[in-house]
Amino acid sequence: MRPVKTLKKSGGKIAIIFSNRLFLSKAVGLWTGSDDIEHAYTVGCYLHYCNGGFKDIKAKDLSTRKQKGNERVIVGDPLYVVTAVKT
């Protein structure tokens, strides 16, 4: 996360977009052993603890969904974003 700390302008925004698709042989255990909500939490924690001075850290599910009975199921690959603002 060092490059994130170089964001110097107060009010600057960052968006980290990710899916849950991966190559098991290349992903770290922290990622492979957790679910999508935990992934968003992990990315948010990186922003919070990187000493980059970020506030308003938020996660959002950008996945395309379709109504199927009483539930909305994901169509295609899931997609998530974690955003923050530089203090």
N, C-alpha and C. Protein backbone atom coordinates (compact mmCIF):
# COMPACT_ATOMS: atom_id res chain seq x y z
N MET A 1 0.81 -1.19 0.00
CA MET A 1 0.00 0.00 0.00
C MET A 1 0.86 1.26 0.00
N ARG A 2 2.16 1.13 -0.11
CA ARG A 2 3.01 2.32 -0.12
C ARG A 2 2.62 3.34 -1.18
N PRO A 3 2.32 2.92 -2.42
CA PRO A 3 1.93 3.92 -3.42
C PRO A 3 0.67 4.69 -3.03
N VAL A 4 -0.20 4.08 -2.26
CA VAL A 4 -1.42 4.76 -1.84
C VAL A 4 -1.08 5.93 -0.93
N LYS A 5 -0.05 5.78 -0.11
CA LYS A 5 0.34 6.87 0.79
C LYS A 5 0.82 8.09 0.03
N THR A 6 1.24 7.93 -1.22
CA THR A 6 1.76 9.07 -1.98
C THR A 6 0.66 9.97 -2.51
N LEU A 7 -0.59 9.57 -2.37
CA LEU A 7 -1.70 10.43 -2.75
C LEU A 7 -1.67 11.62 -1.80
N LYS A 8 -1.25 12.77 -2.30
CA LYS A 8 -0.96 13.91 -1.43
C LYS A 8 -2.12 14.88 -1.26
N LYS A 9 -2.94 15.03 -2.27
CA LYS A 9 -3.97 16.07 -2.25
C LYS A 9 -5.11 15.72 -1.30
N SER A 10 -5.36 16.60 -0.35
CA SER A 10 -6.48 16.42 0.57
C SER A 10 -7.78 16.41 -0.24
N GLY A 11 -8.63 15.48 0.06
CA GLY A 11 -9.89 15.35 -0.68
C GLY A 11 -9.77 14.41 -1.87
N GLY A 12 -8.54 13.94 -2.17
CA GLY A 12 -8.34 12.99 -3.26
C GLY A 12 -9.04 11.68 -2.95
N LYS A 13 -9.53 11.02 -3.96
CA LYS A 13 -10.29 9.79 -3.77
C LYS A 13 -9.55 8.59 -4.33
N ILE A 14 -9.76 7.45 -3.69
CA ILE A 14 -9.20 6.20 -4.17
C ILE A 14 -10.33 5.18 -4.25
N ALA A 15 -10.28 4.34 -5.28
CA ALA A 15 -11.25 3.25 -5.43
C ALA A 15 -10.47 1.99 -5.76
N ILE A 16 -10.65 0.96 -4.95
CA ILE A 16 -10.00 -0.33 -5.16
C ILE A 16 -11.11 -1.32 -5.53
N ILE A 17 -11.05 -1.82 -6.76
CA ILE A 17 -12.09 -2.72 -7.28
C ILE A 17 -11.54 -4.13 -7.32
N PHE A 18 -12.36 -5.10 -6.90
CA PHE A 18 -11.92 -6.49 -6.91
C PHE A 18 -13.11 -7.44 -7.06
N SER A 19 -12.79 -8.64 -7.45
CA SER A 19 -13.76 -9.73 -7.57
C SER A 19 -13.30 -10.85 -6.65
N ASN A 20 -14.06 -11.94 -6.61
CA ASN A 20 -13.60 -13.07 -5.82
C ASN A 20 -12.95 -14.15 -6.69
N ARG A 21 -12.70 -13.84 -7.94
CA ARG A 21 -12.03 -14.78 -8.84
C ARG A 21 -10.53 -14.71 -8.58
N LEU A 22 -9.87 -15.87 -8.56
CA LEU A 22 -8.44 -15.88 -8.27
C LEU A 22 -7.80 -17.18 -8.72
N PHE A 23 -6.49 -17.19 -8.73
CA PHE A 23 -5.71 -18.40 -8.92
C PHE A 23 -5.25 -18.84 -7.53
N LEU A 24 -5.75 -19.96 -7.05
CA LEU A 24 -5.43 -20.41 -5.68
C LEU A 24 -3.93 -20.48 -5.43
N SER A 25 -3.17 -20.86 -6.44
CA SER A 25 -1.73 -21.01 -6.25
C SER A 25 -1.02 -19.66 -6.10
N LYS A 26 -1.68 -18.57 -6.44
CA LYS A 26 -1.04 -17.25 -6.40
C LYS A 26 -1.59 -16.34 -5.31
N ALA A 27 -2.74 -16.68 -4.73
CA ALA A 27 -3.37 -15.82 -3.72
C ALA A 27 -2.85 -16.16 -2.33
N VAL A 28 -2.80 -15.15 -1.47
CA VAL A 28 -2.36 -15.36 -0.08
C VAL A 28 -3.47 -16.01 0.73
N GLY A 29 -3.10 -16.71 1.78
CA GLY A 29 -4.06 -17.42 2.61
C GLY A 29 -5.12 -16.53 3.22
N LEU A 30 -4.76 -15.30 3.54
CA LEU A 30 -5.73 -14.35 4.10
C LEU A 30 -6.91 -14.15 3.15
N TRP A 31 -6.62 -14.17 1.85
CA TRP A 31 -7.66 -13.95 0.84
C TRP A 31 -8.43 -15.23 0.56
N THR A 32 -7.73 -16.34 0.44
CA THR A 32 -8.40 -17.60 0.08
C THR A 32 -9.25 -18.16 1.21
N GLY A 33 -8.92 -17.81 2.44
CA GLY A 33 -9.65 -18.33 3.58
C GLY A 33 -10.79 -17.45 4.05
N SER A 34 -11.20 -16.49 3.22
CA SER A 34 -12.25 -15.57 3.65
C SER A 34 -13.31 -15.39 2.56
N ASP A 35 -14.45 -14.82 2.96
CA ASP A 35 -15.54 -14.60 2.00
C ASP A 35 -15.51 -13.16 1.48
N ASP A 36 -16.49 -12.81 0.66
CA ASP A 36 -16.49 -11.50 0.01
C ASP A 36 -16.59 -10.34 1.00
N ILE A 37 -17.38 -10.50 2.05
CA ILE A 37 -17.50 -9.44 3.06
C ILE A 37 -16.16 -9.25 3.76
N GLU A 38 -15.49 -10.34 4.08
CA GLU A 38 -14.17 -10.25 4.71
C GLU A 38 -13.14 -9.65 3.77
N HIS A 39 -13.26 -9.90 2.47
CA HIS A 39 -12.36 -9.27 1.49
C HIS A 39 -12.51 -7.75 1.55
N ALA A 40 -13.75 -7.27 1.54
CA ALA A 40 -13.99 -5.82 1.61
C ALA A 40 -13.44 -5.26 2.92
N TYR A 41 -13.64 -5.98 4.01
CA TYR A 41 -13.12 -5.54 5.30
C TYR A 41 -11.59 -5.47 5.28
N THR A 42 -10.94 -6.47 4.69
CA THR A 42 -9.48 -6.49 4.60
C THR A 42 -8.96 -5.29 3.82
N VAL A 43 -9.56 -5.00 2.66
CA VAL A 43 -9.13 -3.86 1.85
C VAL A 43 -9.35 -2.56 2.62
N GLY A 44 -10.50 -2.44 3.29
CA GLY A 44 -10.77 -1.25 4.10
C GLY A 44 -9.75 -1.08 5.22
N CYS A 45 -9.36 -2.19 5.85
CA CYS A 45 -8.35 -2.14 6.91
C CYS A 45 -6.99 -1.69 6.37
N TYR A 46 -6.63 -2.18 5.18
CA TYR A 46 -5.38 -1.72 4.57
C TYR A 46 -5.39 -0.20 4.41
N LEU A 47 -6.50 0.35 3.95
CA LEU A 47 -6.59 1.81 3.78
C LEU A 47 -6.55 2.51 5.14
N HIS A 48 -7.21 1.96 6.11
CA HIS A 48 -7.25 2.58 7.44
C HIS A 48 -5.88 2.57 8.13
N TYR A 49 -5.17 1.45 8.03
CA TYR A 49 -3.92 1.28 8.77
C TYR A 49 -2.65 1.57 7.97
N CYS A 50 -2.77 2.04 6.73
CA CYS A 50 -1.56 2.29 5.93
C CYS A 50 -0.92 3.62 6.24
N ASN A 51 -1.44 4.35 7.22
CA ASN A 51 -0.92 5.68 7.58
C ASN A 51 -1.00 6.65 6.41
N GLY A 52 -1.93 6.40 5.53
CA GLY A 52 -2.13 7.29 4.39
C GLY A 52 -3.11 8.40 4.69
N GLY A 53 -3.76 8.35 5.83
CA GLY A 53 -4.69 9.40 6.21
C GLY A 53 -5.98 9.36 5.42
N PHE A 54 -6.68 8.25 5.42
CA PHE A 54 -7.93 8.13 4.68
C PHE A 54 -9.12 8.14 5.61
N LYS A 55 -10.21 8.72 5.16
CA LYS A 55 -11.46 8.75 5.91
C LYS A 55 -12.60 8.31 4.99
N ASP A 56 -13.77 8.19 5.55
CA ASP A 56 -14.96 7.80 4.78
C ASP A 56 -14.72 6.53 3.96
N ILE A 57 -14.13 5.54 4.60
CA ILE A 57 -13.87 4.26 3.93
C ILE A 57 -15.17 3.49 3.83
N LYS A 58 -15.54 3.14 2.60
CA LYS A 58 -16.81 2.47 2.35
C LYS A 58 -16.63 1.33 1.35
N ALA A 59 -17.46 0.31 1.48
CA ALA A 59 -17.46 -0.80 0.54
C ALA A 59 -18.83 -0.89 -0.12
N LYS A 60 -18.83 -1.30 -1.39
CA LYS A 60 -20.09 -1.42 -2.13
C LYS A 60 -20.04 -2.64 -3.04
N ASP A 61 -21.14 -3.33 -3.13
CA ASP A 61 -21.28 -4.48 -4.03
C ASP A 61 -21.76 -3.95 -5.38
N LEU A 62 -20.94 -4.12 -6.42
CA LEU A 62 -21.28 -3.65 -7.76
C LEU A 62 -21.77 -4.78 -8.66
N SER A 63 -21.97 -5.96 -8.08
CA SER A 63 -22.35 -7.14 -8.86
C SER A 63 -23.70 -6.93 -9.56
N THR A 64 -23.78 -7.44 -10.78
CA THR A 64 -25.05 -7.43 -11.51
C THR A 64 -25.93 -8.52 -10.91
N ARG A 65 -27.15 -8.18 -10.61
CA ARG A 65 -28.07 -9.14 -9.99
C ARG A 65 -29.36 -9.25 -10.78
N LYS A 66 -29.98 -10.41 -10.65
CA LYS A 66 -31.24 -10.68 -11.33
C LYS A 66 -32.20 -11.29 -10.31
N GLN A 67 -33.46 -10.89 -10.41
CA GLN A 67 -34.47 -11.43 -9.51
C GLN A 67 -34.75 -12.88 -9.86
N LYS A 68 -34.69 -13.75 -8.86
CA LYS A 68 -34.98 -15.16 -9.06
C LYS A 68 -35.82 -15.60 -7.86
N GLY A 69 -37.13 -15.64 -8.07
CA GLY A 69 -38.03 -15.92 -6.96
C GLY A 69 -38.02 -14.77 -5.98
N ASN A 70 -37.75 -15.07 -4.72
CA ASN A 70 -37.71 -14.04 -3.68
C ASN A 70 -36.32 -13.47 -3.45
N GLU A 71 -35.35 -13.90 -4.23
CA GLU A 71 -33.98 -13.45 -3.99
C GLU A 71 -33.36 -12.86 -5.25
N ARG A 72 -32.36 -12.01 -5.03
CA ARG A 72 -31.61 -11.40 -6.13
C ARG A 72 -30.26 -12.09 -6.20
N VAL A 73 -30.05 -12.86 -7.26
CA VAL A 73 -28.82 -13.64 -7.40
C VAL A 73 -27.84 -12.92 -8.33
N ILE A 74 -26.55 -13.14 -8.08
CA ILE A 74 -25.50 -12.52 -8.89
C ILE A 74 -25.47 -13.19 -10.25
N VAL A 75 -25.40 -12.37 -11.30
CA VAL A 75 -25.27 -12.85 -12.68
C VAL A 75 -23.83 -12.59 -13.11
N GLY A 76 -23.11 -13.61 -13.49
CA GLY A 76 -21.70 -13.45 -13.88
C GLY A 76 -20.81 -13.35 -12.66
N ASP A 77 -19.67 -12.71 -12.82
CA ASP A 77 -18.70 -12.58 -11.73
C ASP A 77 -19.13 -11.49 -10.75
N PRO A 78 -18.93 -11.73 -9.45
CA PRO A 78 -19.20 -10.68 -8.47
C PRO A 78 -18.15 -9.57 -8.59
N LEU A 79 -18.52 -8.36 -8.20
CA LEU A 79 -17.61 -7.23 -8.29
C LEU A 79 -17.86 -6.30 -7.11
N TYR A 80 -16.77 -5.88 -6.47
CA TYR A 80 -16.88 -5.05 -5.28
C TYR A 80 -15.90 -3.87 -5.39
N VAL A 81 -16.21 -2.78 -4.68
CA VAL A 81 -15.31 -1.62 -4.63
C VAL A 81 -15.22 -1.12 -3.20
N VAL A 82 -14.01 -0.72 -2.81
CA VAL A 82 -13.80 -0.04 -1.53
C VAL A 82 -13.27 1.34 -1.88
N THR A 83 -13.92 2.36 -1.36
CA THR A 83 -13.52 3.75 -1.65
C THR A 83 -13.13 4.46 -0.36
N ALA A 84 -12.32 5.51 -0.51
CA ALA A 84 -11.91 6.32 0.63
C ALA A 84 -11.51 7.71 0.12
N VAL A 85 -11.45 8.65 1.05
CA VAL A 85 -11.08 10.02 0.75
C VAL A 85 -9.84 10.40 1.57
N LYS A 86 -8.87 11.03 0.94
CA LYS A 86 -7.64 11.48 1.62
C LYS A 86 -7.97 12.64 2.54
N THR A 87 -7.46 12.57 3.79
CA THR A 87 -7.72 13.67 4.74
C THR A 87 -6.77 14.82 4.50
